[in-house]
Amino acid sequence: GIATVTRRHSSSTILRKLGGSSLEINGVPLPPYYDPQ
């Protein structure tokens, strides 16, 4: 699965603690991005 997760309220941190990880491309993590919406 995939989740687009905010860093607000530690949401992304919680998902990582449960076992989630950054989406990787050739071993390189996709960096965070700013969502203007």
PDB file of all heavy atoms in Angstrom:
ATOM      1  N   GLY A   1       0.800  -1.214   0.000  1.00  0.00           N
ATOM      2  CA  GLY A   1       0.000   0.000   0.000  1.00  0.00           C
ATOM      3  C   GLY A   1       0.829   1.259   0.000  1.00  0.00           C
ATOM      4  O   GLY A   1       2.051   1.233   0.202  1.00  0.00           O
ATOM      5  N   ILE A   2       0.135   2.351  -0.234  1.00  0.00           N
ATOM      6  CA  ILE A   2       0.761   3.660  -0.265  1.00  0.00           C
ATOM      7  C   ILE A   2      -0.132   4.635   0.481  1.00  0.00           C
ATOM      8  O   ILE A   2      -1.364   4.513   0.466  1.00  0.00           O
ATOM      9  CB  ILE A   2       0.999   4.121  -1.721  1.00  0.00           C
ATOM     10  CG1 ILE A   2       1.878   5.372  -1.761  1.00  0.00           C
ATOM     11  CG2 ILE A   2      -0.318   4.347  -2.451  1.00  0.00           C
ATOM     12  CD1 ILE A   2       2.369   5.697  -3.157  1.00  0.00           C
ATOM     13  N   ALA A   3       0.490   5.587   1.145  1.00  0.00           N
ATOM     14  CA  ALA A   3      -0.260   6.603   1.876  1.00  0.00           C
ATOM     15  C   ALA A   3       0.422   7.949   1.676  1.00  0.00           C
ATOM     16  O   ALA A   3       1.646   8.049   1.775  1.00  0.00           O
ATOM     17  CB  ALA A   3      -0.330   6.263   3.357  1.00  0.00           C
ATOM     18  N   THR A   4      -0.373   8.952   1.355  1.00  0.00           N
ATOM     19  CA  THR A   4       0.120  10.322   1.298  1.00  0.00           C
ATOM     20  C   THR A   4      -0.176  10.930   2.656  1.00  0.00           C
ATOM     21  O   THR A   4      -1.334  11.187   2.986  1.00  0.00           O
ATOM     22  CB  THR A   4      -0.579  11.104   0.177  1.00  0.00           C
ATOM     23  OG1 THR A   4      -0.416  10.399  -1.059  1.00  0.00           O
ATOM     24  CG2 THR A   4       0.002  12.499   0.037  1.00  0.00           C
ATOM     25  N   VAL A   5       0.868  11.145   3.454  1.00  0.00           N
ATOM     26  CA  VAL A   5       0.684  11.421   4.883  1.00  0.00           C
ATOM     27  C   VAL A   5       1.283  12.772   5.254  1.00  0.00           C
ATOM     28  O   VAL A   5       2.410  13.099   4.867  1.00  0.00           O
ATOM     29  CB  VAL A   5       1.352  10.326   5.745  1.00  0.00           C
ATOM     30  CG1 VAL A   5       0.974  10.495   7.205  1.00  0.00           C
ATOM     31  CG2 VAL A   5       0.956   8.942   5.256  1.00  0.00           C
ATOM     32  N   THR A   6       0.525  13.542   6.008  1.00  0.00           N
ATOM     33  CA  THR A   6       1.021  14.810   6.501  1.00  0.00           C
ATOM     34  C   THR A   6       2.010  14.606   7.640  1.00  0.00           C
ATOM     35  O   THR A   6       1.957  13.602   8.359  1.00  0.00           O
ATOM     36  CB  THR A   6      -0.137  15.692   6.984  1.00  0.00           C
ATOM     37  OG1 THR A   6       0.392  16.911   7.515  1.00  0.00           O
ATOM     38  CG2 THR A   6      -0.937  15.015   8.074  1.00  0.00           C
ATOM     39  N   ARG A   7       2.898  15.587   7.814  1.00  0.00           N
ATOM     40  CA  ARG A   7       3.794  15.572   8.960  1.00  0.00           C
ATOM     41  C   ARG A   7       3.146  16.217  10.179  1.00  0.00           C
ATOM     42  O   ARG A   7       3.708  16.178  11.267  1.00  0.00           O
ATOM     43  CB  ARG A   7       5.092  16.305   8.612  1.00  0.00           C
ATOM     44  CG  ARG A   7       6.006  15.506   7.669  1.00  0.00           C
ATOM     45  CD  ARG A   7       7.313  16.223   7.423  1.00  0.00           C
ATOM     46  NE  ARG A   7       8.325  15.302   6.945  1.00  0.00           N
ATOM     47  CZ  ARG A   7       9.603  15.637   6.754  1.00  0.00           C
ATOM     48  NH1 ARG A   7      10.011  16.879   7.003  1.00  0.00           N
ATOM     49  NH2 ARG A   7      10.474  14.746   6.317  1.00  0.00           N
ATOM     50  N   ARG A   8       1.958  16.812   9.987  1.00  0.00           N
ATOM     51  CA  ARG A   8       1.249  17.397  11.122  1.00  0.00           C
ATOM     52  C   ARG A   8       0.898  16.321  12.139  1.00  0.00           C
ATOM     53  O   ARG A   8       0.546  15.205  11.792  1.00  0.00           O
ATOM     54  CB  ARG A   8      -0.050  18.068  10.658  1.00  0.00           C
ATOM     55  CG  ARG A   8       0.115  19.416   9.977  1.00  0.00           C
ATOM     56  CD  ARG A   8      -1.234  20.087   9.875  1.00  0.00           C
ATOM     57  NE  ARG A   8      -1.146  21.371   9.182  1.00  0.00           N
ATOM     58  CZ  ARG A   8      -1.597  21.591   7.961  1.00  0.00           C
ATOM     59  NH1 ARG A   8      -2.177  20.620   7.293  1.00  0.00           N
ATOM     60  NH2 ARG A   8      -1.480  22.780   7.408  1.00  0.00           N
ATOM     61  N   HIS A   9       0.947  16.695  13.397  1.00  0.00           N
ATOM     62  CA  HIS A   9       0.534  15.812  14.495  1.00  0.00           C
ATOM     63  C   HIS A   9       1.274  14.477  14.473  1.00  0.00           C
ATOM     64  O   HIS A   9       0.756  13.462  14.947  1.00  0.00           O
ATOM     65  CB  HIS A   9      -0.979  15.572  14.458  1.00  0.00           C
ATOM     66  CG  HIS A   9      -1.789  16.821  14.326  1.00  0.00           C
ATOM     67  ND1 HIS A   9      -1.677  17.880  15.201  1.00  0.00           N
ATOM     68  CD2 HIS A   9      -2.718  17.185  13.384  1.00  0.00           C
ATOM     69  CE1 HIS A   9      -2.512  18.843  14.819  1.00  0.00           C
ATOM     70  NE2 HIS A   9      -3.131  18.460  13.731  1.00  0.00           N
ATOM     71  N   SER A  10       2.478  14.472  13.869  1.00  0.00           N
ATOM     72  CA  SER A  10       3.335  13.270  13.833  1.00  0.00           C
ATOM     73  C   SER A  10       2.693  12.110  13.081  1.00  0.00           C
ATOM     74  O   SER A  10       3.016  10.942  13.339  1.00  0.00           O
ATOM     75  CB  SER A  10       3.692  12.822  15.266  1.00  0.00           C
ATOM     76  OG  SER A  10       4.340  13.854  15.977  1.00  0.00           O
ATOM     77  N   SER A  11       1.790  12.398  12.152  1.00  0.00           N
ATOM     78  CA  SER A  11       1.094  11.323  11.438  1.00  0.00           C
ATOM     79  C   SER A  11       2.055  10.426  10.684  1.00  0.00           C
ATOM     80  O   SER A  11       1.966   9.193  10.743  1.00  0.00           O
ATOM     81  CB  SER A  11       0.070  11.923  10.468  1.00  0.00           C
ATOM     82  OG  SER A  11      -0.917  12.645  11.165  1.00  0.00           O
ATOM     83  N   SER A  12       2.998  11.020   9.936  1.00  0.00           N
ATOM     84  CA  SER A  12       3.941  10.205   9.171  1.00  0.00           C
ATOM     85  C   SER A  12       4.867   9.429  10.114  1.00  0.00           C
ATOM     86  O   SER A  12       5.236   8.282   9.828  1.00  0.00           O
ATOM     87  CB  SER A  12       4.751  11.080   8.221  1.00  0.00           C
ATOM     88  OG  SER A  12       5.481  12.069   8.918  1.00  0.00           O
ATOM     89  N   THR A  13       5.222  10.027  11.241  1.00  0.00           N
ATOM     90  CA  THR A  13       6.079   9.349  12.214  1.00  0.00           C
ATOM     91  C   THR A  13       5.396   8.108  12.773  1.00  0.00           C
ATOM     92  O   THR A  13       6.016   7.048  12.939  1.00  0.00           O
ATOM     93  CB  THR A  13       6.444  10.308  13.369  1.00  0.00           C
ATOM     94  OG1 THR A  13       7.127  11.436  12.835  1.00  0.00           O
ATOM     95  CG2 THR A  13       7.326   9.620  14.393  1.00  0.00           C
ATOM     96  N   ILE A  14       4.095   8.216  13.060  1.00  0.00           N
ATOM     97  CA  ILE A  14       3.345   7.075  13.597  1.00  0.00           C
ATOM     98  C   ILE A  14       3.307   5.938  12.590  1.00  0.00           C
ATOM     99  O   ILE A  14       3.532   4.770  12.935  1.00  0.00           O
ATOM    100  CB  ILE A  14       1.921   7.508  13.982  1.00  0.00           C
ATOM    101  CG1 ILE A  14       1.967   8.445  15.192  1.00  0.00           C
ATOM    102  CG2 ILE A  14       1.028   6.294  14.280  1.00  0.00           C
ATOM    103  CD1 ILE A  14       0.655   9.112  15.512  1.00  0.00           C
ATOM    104  N   LEU A  15       3.043   6.254  11.319  1.00  0.00           N
ATOM    105  CA  LEU A  15       2.976   5.210  10.304  1.00  0.00           C
ATOM    106  C   LEU A  15       4.331   4.537  10.121  1.00  0.00           C
ATOM    107  O   LEU A  15       4.416   3.321   9.936  1.00  0.00           O
ATOM    108  CB  LEU A  15       2.486   5.788   8.977  1.00  0.00           C
ATOM    109  CG  LEU A  15       2.173   4.776   7.863  1.00  0.00           C
ATOM    110  CD1 LEU A  15       1.194   3.709   8.345  1.00  0.00           C
ATOM    111  CD2 LEU A  15       1.618   5.487   6.635  1.00  0.00           C
ATOM    112  N   ARG A  16       5.393   5.303  10.224  1.00  0.00           N
ATOM    113  CA  ARG A  16       6.733   4.714  10.134  1.00  0.00           C
ATOM    114  C   ARG A  16       6.998   3.782  11.323  1.00  0.00           C
ATOM    115  O   ARG A  16       7.585   2.707  11.162  1.00  0.00           O
ATOM    116  CB  ARG A  16       7.790   5.808  10.094  1.00  0.00           C
ATOM    117  CG  ARG A  16       7.857   6.567   8.774  1.00  0.00           C
ATOM    118  CD  ARG A  16       8.945   7.631   8.818  1.00  0.00           C
ATOM    119  NE  ARG A  16       8.988   8.393   7.597  1.00  0.00           N
ATOM    120  CZ  ARG A  16       9.605   7.993   6.478  1.00  0.00           C
ATOM    121  NH1 ARG A  16      10.216   6.827   6.470  1.00  0.00           N
ATOM    122  NH2 ARG A  16       9.606   8.744   5.400  1.00  0.00           N
ATOM    123  N   LYS A  17       6.577   4.179  12.508  1.00  0.00           N
ATOM    124  CA  LYS A  17       6.789   3.340  13.684  1.00  0.00           C
ATOM    125  C   LYS A  17       6.068   2.002  13.557  1.00  0.00           C
ATOM    126  O   LYS A  17       6.536   0.978  14.078  1.00  0.00           O
ATOM    127  CB  LYS A  17       6.320   4.072  14.940  1.00  0.00           C
ATOM    128  CG  LYS A  17       7.266   5.168  15.411  1.00  0.00           C
ATOM    129  CD  LYS A  17       6.768   5.800  16.701  1.00  0.00           C
ATOM    130  CE  LYS A  17       7.768   6.839  17.210  1.00  0.00           C
ATOM    131  NZ  LYS A  17       7.301   7.482  18.464  1.00  0.00           N
ATOM    132  N   LEU A  18       4.936   1.997  12.882  1.00  0.00           N
ATOM    133  CA  LEU A  18       4.179   0.758  12.724  1.00  0.00           C
ATOM    134  C   LEU A  18       4.765  -0.160  11.656  1.00  0.00           C
ATOM    135  O   LEU A  18       4.396  -1.334  11.582  1.00  0.00           O
ATOM    136  CB  LEU A  18       2.728   1.076  12.372  1.00  0.00           C
ATOM    137  CG  LEU A  18       1.922   1.807  13.439  1.00  0.00           C
ATOM    138  CD1 LEU A  18       0.486   2.003  12.984  1.00  0.00           C
ATOM    139  CD2 LEU A  18       1.955   1.051  14.760  1.00  0.00           C
ATOM    140  N   GLY A  19       5.658   0.372  10.824  1.00  0.00           N
ATOM    141  CA  GLY A  19       6.291  -0.467   9.804  1.00  0.00           C
ATOM    142  C   GLY A  19       6.340   0.151   8.428  1.00  0.00           C
ATOM    143  O   GLY A  19       6.869  -0.465   7.493  1.00  0.00           O
ATOM    144  N   GLY A  20       5.784   1.351   8.262  1.00  0.00           N
ATOM    145  CA  GLY A  20       5.857   2.024   6.979  1.00  0.00           C
ATOM    146  C   GLY A  20       7.260   2.555   6.707  1.00  0.00           C
ATOM    147  O   GLY A  20       8.081   2.683   7.621  1.00  0.00           O
ATOM    148  N   SER A  21       7.531   2.857   5.456  1.00  0.00           N
ATOM    149  CA  SER A  21       8.836   3.385   5.083  1.00  0.00           C
ATOM    150  C   SER A  21       8.682   4.268   3.852  1.00  0.00           C
ATOM    151  O   SER A  21       7.648   4.249   3.171  1.00  0.00           O
ATOM    152  CB  SER A  21       9.823   2.250   4.797  1.00  0.00           C
ATOM    153  OG  SER A  21       9.350   1.433   3.740  1.00  0.00           O
ATOM    154  N   SER A  22       9.728   5.032   3.556  1.00  0.00           N
ATOM    155  CA  SER A  22       9.691   5.898   2.379  1.00  0.00           C
ATOM    156  C   SER A  22       9.617   5.058   1.114  1.00  0.00           C
ATOM    157  O   SER A  22      10.219   3.978   1.032  1.00  0.00           O
ATOM    158  CB  SER A  22      10.940   6.780   2.323  1.00  0.00           C
ATOM    159  OG  SER A  22      10.991   7.671   3.408  1.00  0.00           O
ATOM    160  N   LEU A  23       8.889   5.547   0.142  1.00  0.00           N
ATOM    161  CA  LEU A  23       8.918   4.936  -1.185  1.00  0.00           C
ATOM    162  C   LEU A  23      10.310   5.171  -1.762  1.00  0.00           C
ATOM    163  O   LEU A  23      10.813   6.299  -1.738  1.00  0.00           O
ATOM    164  CB  LEU A  23       7.849   5.570  -2.068  1.00  0.00           C
ATOM    165  CG  LEU A  23       7.657   4.949  -3.457  1.00  0.00           C
ATOM    166  CD1 LEU A  23       7.078   3.542  -3.335  1.00  0.00           C
ATOM    167  CD2 LEU A  23       6.732   5.823  -4.299  1.00  0.00           C
ATOM    168  N   GLU A  24      10.952   4.118  -2.263  1.00  0.00           N
ATOM    169  CA  GLU A  24      12.314   4.236  -2.765  1.00  0.00           C
ATOM    170  C   GLU A  24      12.376   4.009  -4.266  1.00  0.00           C
ATOM    171  O   GLU A  24      11.620   3.211  -4.816  1.00  0.00           O
ATOM    172  CB  GLU A  24      13.234   3.239  -2.057  1.00  0.00           C
ATOM    173  CG  GLU A  24      13.420   3.521  -0.576  1.00  0.00           C
ATOM    174  CD  GLU A  24      14.466   2.621   0.058  1.00  0.00           C
ATOM    175  OE1 GLU A  24      14.965   1.699  -0.639  1.00  0.00           O
ATOM    176  OE2 GLU A  24      14.800   2.841   1.236  1.00  0.00           O
ATOM    177  N   ILE A  25      13.294   4.720  -4.904  1.00  0.00           N
ATOM    178  CA  ILE A  25      13.565   4.558  -6.324  1.00  0.00           C
ATOM    179  C   ILE A  25      15.039   4.241  -6.462  1.00  0.00           C
ATOM    180  O   ILE A  25      15.895   5.068  -6.145  1.00  0.00           O
ATOM    181  CB  ILE A  25      13.204   5.836  -7.135  1.00  0.00           C
ATOM    182  CG1 ILE A  25      11.722   6.159  -6.977  1.00  0.00           C
ATOM    183  CG2 ILE A  25      13.539   5.637  -8.606  1.00  0.00           C
ATOM    184  CD1 ILE A  25      11.394   7.015  -5.802  1.00  0.00           C
ATOM    185  N   ASN A  26      15.341   2.998  -6.868  1.00  0.00           N
ATOM    186  CA  ASN A  26      16.732   2.529  -6.970  1.00  0.00           C
ATOM    187  C   ASN A  26      17.480   2.722  -5.645  1.00  0.00           C
ATOM    188  O   ASN A  26      18.644   3.132  -5.620  1.00  0.00           O
ATOM    189  CB  ASN A  26      17.464   3.248  -8.103  1.00  0.00           C
ATOM    190  CG  ASN A  26      16.840   2.972  -9.459  1.00  0.00           C
ATOM    191  OD1 ASN A  26      16.407   1.853  -9.731  1.00  0.00           O
ATOM    192  ND2 ASN A  26      16.785   3.982 -10.304  1.00  0.00           N
ATOM    193  N   GLY A  27      16.796   2.455  -4.546  1.00  0.00           N
ATOM    194  CA  GLY A  27      17.413   2.526  -3.236  1.00  0.00           C
ATOM    195  C   GLY A  27      17.481   3.911  -2.629  1.00  0.00           C
ATOM    196  O   GLY A  27      17.962   4.069  -1.505  1.00  0.00           O
ATOM    197  N   VAL A  28      16.957   4.910  -3.338  1.00  0.00           N
ATOM    198  CA  VAL A  28      16.982   6.285  -2.847  1.00  0.00           C
ATOM    199  C   VAL A  28      15.575   6.695  -2.415  1.00  0.00           C
ATOM    200  O   VAL A  28      14.633   6.632  -3.223  1.00  0.00           O
ATOM    201  CB  VAL A  28      17.495   7.254  -3.929  1.00  0.00           C
ATOM    202  CG1 VAL A  28      17.490   8.692  -3.405  1.00  0.00           C
ATOM    203  CG2 VAL A  28      18.892   6.839  -4.394  1.00  0.00           C
ATOM    204  N   PRO A  29      15.385   7.092  -1.152  1.00  0.00           N
ATOM    205  CA  PRO A  29      14.042   7.468  -0.684  1.00  0.00           C
ATOM    206  C   PRO A  29      13.509   8.685  -1.418  1.00  0.00           C
ATOM    207  O   PRO A  29      14.248   9.637  -1.698  1.00  0.00           O
ATOM    208  CB  PRO A  29      14.256   7.774   0.808  1.00  0.00           C
ATOM    209  CG  PRO A  29      15.550   7.120   1.165  1.00  0.00           C
ATOM    210  CD  PRO A  29      16.389   7.160  -0.078  1.00  0.00           C
ATOM    211  N   LEU A  30      12.224   8.653  -1.748  1.00  0.00           N
ATOM    212  CA  LEU A  30      11.567   9.819  -2.325  1.00  0.00           C
ATOM    213  C   LEU A  30      11.413  10.865  -1.227  1.00  0.00           C
ATOM    214  O   LEU A  30      10.851  10.578  -0.168  1.00  0.00           O
ATOM    215  CB  LEU A  30      10.194   9.423  -2.876  1.00  0.00           C
ATOM    216  CG  LEU A  30       9.480  10.439  -3.757  1.00  0.00           C
ATOM    217  CD1 LEU A  30      10.202  10.596  -5.093  1.00  0.00           C
ATOM    218  CD2 LEU A  30       8.038  10.007  -4.004  1.00  0.00           C
ATOM    219  N   PRO A  31      11.888  12.072  -1.427  1.00  0.00           N
ATOM    220  CA  PRO A  31      11.854  13.071  -0.357  1.00  0.00           C
ATOM    221  C   PRO A  31      10.447  13.605  -0.109  1.00  0.00           C
ATOM    222  O   PRO A  31       9.555  13.470  -0.961  1.00  0.00           O
ATOM    223  CB  PRO A  31      12.776  14.172  -0.883  1.00  0.00           C
ATOM    224  CG  PRO A  31      12.682  14.055  -2.367  1.00  0.00           C
ATOM    225  CD  PRO A  31      12.542  12.584  -2.648  1.00  0.00           C
ATOM    226  N   PRO A  32      10.227  14.225   1.054  1.00  0.00           N
ATOM    227  CA  PRO A  32       8.933  14.876   1.315  1.00  0.00           C
ATOM    228  C   PRO A  32       8.689  15.995   0.301  1.00  0.00           C
ATOM    229  O   PRO A  32       9.605  16.438  -0.403  1.00  0.00           O
ATOM    230  CB  PRO A  32       9.105  15.442   2.728  1.00  0.00           C
ATOM    231  CG  PRO A  32      10.249  14.696   3.313  1.00  0.00           C
ATOM    232  CD  PRO A  32      11.152  14.357   2.177  1.00  0.00           C
ATOM    233  N   TYR A  33       7.435  16.440   0.232  1.00  0.00           N
ATOM    234  CA  TYR A  33       7.097  17.533  -0.676  1.00  0.00           C
ATOM    235  C   TYR A  33       6.083  18.438   0.012  1.00  0.00           C
ATOM    236  O   TYR A  33       5.398  18.029   0.949  1.00  0.00           O
ATOM    237  CB  TYR A  33       6.535  17.004  -2.001  1.00  0.00           C
ATOM    238  CG  TYR A  33       5.152  16.401  -1.889  1.00  0.00           C
ATOM    239  CD1 TYR A  33       4.004  17.128  -2.197  1.00  0.00           C
ATOM    240  CD2 TYR A  33       4.990  15.080  -1.456  1.00  0.00           C
ATOM    241  CE1 TYR A  33       2.738  16.576  -2.092  1.00  0.00           C
ATOM    242  CE2 TYR A  33       3.725  14.522  -1.348  1.00  0.00           C
ATOM    243  CZ  TYR A  33       2.603  15.269  -1.667  1.00  0.00           C
ATOM    244  OH  TYR A  33       1.351  14.723  -1.539  1.00  0.00           O
ATOM    245  N   TYR A  34       6.025  19.656  -0.461  1.00  0.00           N
ATOM    246  CA  TYR A  34       5.063  20.609   0.079  1.00  0.00           C
ATOM    247  C   TYR A  34       3.807  20.583  -0.771  1.00  0.00           C
ATOM    248  O   TYR A  34       3.863  20.720  -1.990  1.00  0.00           O
ATOM    249  CB  TYR A  34       5.642  22.022   0.100  1.00  0.00           C
ATOM    250  CG  TYR A  34       4.673  23.050   0.660  1.00  0.00           C
ATOM    251  CD1 TYR A  34       4.477  23.155   2.038  1.00  0.00           C
ATOM    252  CD2 TYR A  34       3.937  23.876  -0.187  1.00  0.00           C
ATOM    253  CE1 TYR A  34       3.579  24.071   2.563  1.00  0.00           C
ATOM    254  CE2 TYR A  34       3.033  24.802   0.327  1.00  0.00           C
ATOM    255  CZ  TYR A  34       2.857  24.899   1.699  1.00  0.00           C
ATOM    256  OH  TYR A  34       1.952  25.797   2.216  1.00  0.00           O
ATOM    257  N   ASP A  35       2.661  20.359  -0.120  1.00  0.00           N
ATOM    258  CA  ASP A  35       1.375  20.340  -0.823  1.00  0.00           C
ATOM    259  C   ASP A  35       0.705  21.700  -0.647  1.00  0.00           C
ATOM    260  O   ASP A  35       0.294  22.055   0.461  1.00  0.00           O
ATOM    261  CB  ASP A  35       0.477  19.238  -0.251  1.00  0.00           C
ATOM    262  CG  ASP A  35      -0.765  19.005  -1.093  1.00  0.00           C
ATOM    263  OD1 ASP A  35      -1.409  19.996  -1.488  1.00  0.00           O
ATOM    264  OD2 ASP A  35      -1.097  17.835  -1.352  1.00  0.00           O
ATOM    265  N   PRO A  36       0.583  22.479  -1.733  1.00  0.00           N
ATOM    266  CA  PRO A  36      -0.008  23.814  -1.602  1.00  0.00           C
ATOM    267  C   PRO A  36      -1.491  23.786  -1.265  1.00  0.00           C
ATOM    268  O   PRO A  36      -2.010  24.745  -0.695  1.00  0.00           O
ATOM    269  CB  PRO A  36       0.237  24.437  -2.985  1.00  0.00           C
ATOM    270  CG  PRO A  36       0.355  23.265  -3.911  1.00  0.00           C
ATOM    271  CD  PRO A  36       0.992  22.182  -3.109  1.00  0.00           C
ATOM    272  N   GLN A  37      -2.176  22.677  -1.593  1.00  0.00           N
ATOM    273  CA  GLN A  37      -3.602  22.609  -1.261  1.00  0.00           C
ATOM    274  C   GLN A  37      -3.801  22.457   0.245  1.00  0.00           C
ATOM    275  O   GLN A  37      -4.608  23.149   0.855  1.00  0.00           O
ATOM    276  CB  GLN A  37      -4.277  21.441  -1.982  1.00  0.00           C
ATOM    277  CG  GLN A  37      -5.747  21.281  -1.609  1.00  0.00           C
ATOM    278  CD  GLN A  37      -6.421  20.117  -2.322  1.00  0.00           C
ATOM    279  OE1 GLN A  37      -5.916  19.621  -3.325  1.00  0.00           O
ATOM    280  NE2 GLN A  37      -7.558  19.691  -1.802  1.00  0.00           N
TER     281      GLN A  37
END
